[in-house]
Amino acid sequence: LTFPLETVFPLEATAAFDAAVATHVLCTVDDPAALLRDAVDALRPQGRLYVMEHVAAPPGTPTRLAQLFFAPFFYIFGNGCKFQDPEPFLRATP
């Protein structure tokens, strides 16, 4: 399934929500930074963004090597998971 960002956060949704929840989406979207910006824009002042995400293991570790090996299968059978590291996007989000 593909959901254009505009259908998830309509442009008129600015400052409309007290909270937003993102679970296991940052690893699948093409532009995680844009998704996070739009989620924050959709929040009222003092609103909260809750994120639950699995992450890429540190480079060079056996777990990361396994992730790289299985990545093509997860992309096909795991709803488009790309094992992206969400930390840079989360740290850059206000």
Protein backbone atom coordinates (compact mmCIF):
# COMPACT_ATOMS: atom_id res chain seq x y z
CA LEU A 1 0.00 0.00 0.00
CA THR A 2 1.15 3.51 -0.75
CA PHE A 3 -0.14 6.56 1.06
CA PRO A 4 0.95 9.93 -0.31
CA LEU A 5 2.06 12.23 2.50
CA GLU A 6 -0.79 14.61 1.67
CA THR A 7 -3.35 11.93 2.60
CA VAL A 8 -1.72 11.29 5.95
CA PHE A 9 -1.27 14.94 6.97
CA PRO A 10 -3.56 17.15 4.89
CA LEU A 11 -2.24 20.66 4.40
CA GLU A 12 -5.15 22.10 6.37
CA ALA A 13 -4.18 20.02 9.43
CA THR A 14 -1.69 22.62 10.71
CA ALA A 15 -1.78 22.86 14.53
CA ALA A 16 -4.86 20.64 14.69
CA PHE A 17 -3.79 17.76 16.96
CA ASP A 18 -2.72 17.31 20.58
CA ALA A 19 -0.63 14.25 19.73
CA ALA A 20 0.61 12.22 16.80
CA VAL A 21 1.92 8.65 16.76
CA ALA A 22 4.40 7.22 14.27
CA THR A 23 5.12 3.50 14.58
CA HIS A 24 7.58 1.80 12.27
CA VAL A 25 7.14 4.31 9.45
CA LEU A 26 10.48 6.15 9.38
CA CYS A 27 12.20 3.07 7.97
CA THR A 28 9.78 2.87 5.05
CA VAL A 29 9.15 6.41 3.83
CA ASP A 30 11.36 8.04 1.21
CA ASP A 31 11.70 11.30 3.15
CA PRO A 32 11.58 10.73 6.93
CA ALA A 33 12.55 14.36 7.61
CA ALA A 34 9.51 15.62 5.65
CA LEU A 35 7.20 13.22 7.46
CA LEU A 36 8.49 14.42 10.85
CA ARG A 37 8.24 18.10 9.85
CA ASP A 38 4.65 17.60 8.73
CA ALA A 39 3.81 15.66 11.89
CA VAL A 40 5.19 18.46 14.08
CA ASP A 41 3.36 21.07 11.99
CA ALA A 42 0.11 19.16 12.58
CA LEU A 43 0.55 19.47 16.36
CA ARG A 44 -0.88 22.22 18.50
CA PRO A 45 1.59 24.14 20.69
CA GLN A 46 2.81 21.80 23.42
CA GLY A 47 1.60 18.84 21.34
CA ARG A 48 3.53 15.59 21.52
CA LEU A 49 4.92 13.35 18.82
CA TYR A 50 5.34 9.72 19.90
CA VAL A 51 7.70 7.62 17.79
CA MET A 52 8.33 3.88 18.02
CA GLU A 53 10.87 2.63 15.54
CA HIS A 54 13.27 -0.22 15.05
CA VAL A 55 16.70 0.93 13.99
CA ALA A 56 19.71 -0.09 11.97
CA ALA A 57 22.41 -1.71 14.07
CA PRO A 58 25.78 0.07 14.34
CA PRO A 59 27.95 -0.24 11.19
CA GLY A 60 30.31 -3.20 11.08
CA THR A 61 28.47 -5.26 13.68
CA PRO A 62 27.23 -8.79 12.96
CA THR A 63 23.66 -7.59 13.46
CA ARG A 64 24.13 -4.84 10.87
CA LEU A 65 25.61 -7.33 8.40
CA ALA A 66 22.56 -9.57 8.92
CA GLN A 67 20.28 -6.57 8.37
CA LEU A 68 22.05 -5.73 5.12
CA PHE A 69 21.75 -9.35 3.99
CA PHE A 70 18.03 -9.54 4.79
CA ALA A 71 17.19 -5.97 3.69
CA PRO A 72 15.92 -6.95 0.21
CA PHE A 73 13.55 -9.50 1.77
CA PHE A 74 12.32 -7.04 4.40
CA TYR A 75 11.73 -4.46 1.69
CA ILE A 76 9.49 -6.90 -0.19
CA PHE A 77 7.86 -8.75 2.71
CA GLY A 78 8.26 -6.19 5.51
CA ASN A 79 6.17 -3.34 4.14
CA GLY A 80 9.07 -1.54 2.48
CA CYS A 81 11.48 -1.48 5.43
CA LYS A 82 14.85 -0.04 4.40
CA PHE A 83 16.60 -0.32 7.80
CA GLN A 84 17.19 3.42 7.84
CA ASP A 85 18.74 4.97 10.94
CA PRO A 86 16.06 7.37 12.25
CA GLU A 87 18.30 9.10 14.81
CA PRO A 88 19.56 11.91 12.52
CA PHE A 89 16.00 12.74 11.44
CA LEU A 90 14.69 12.66 15.02
CA ARG A 91 17.51 14.85 16.35
CA ALA A 92 16.89 17.42 13.61
CA THR A 93 13.16 17.64 14.35
CA PRO A 94 12.20 20.55 16.62
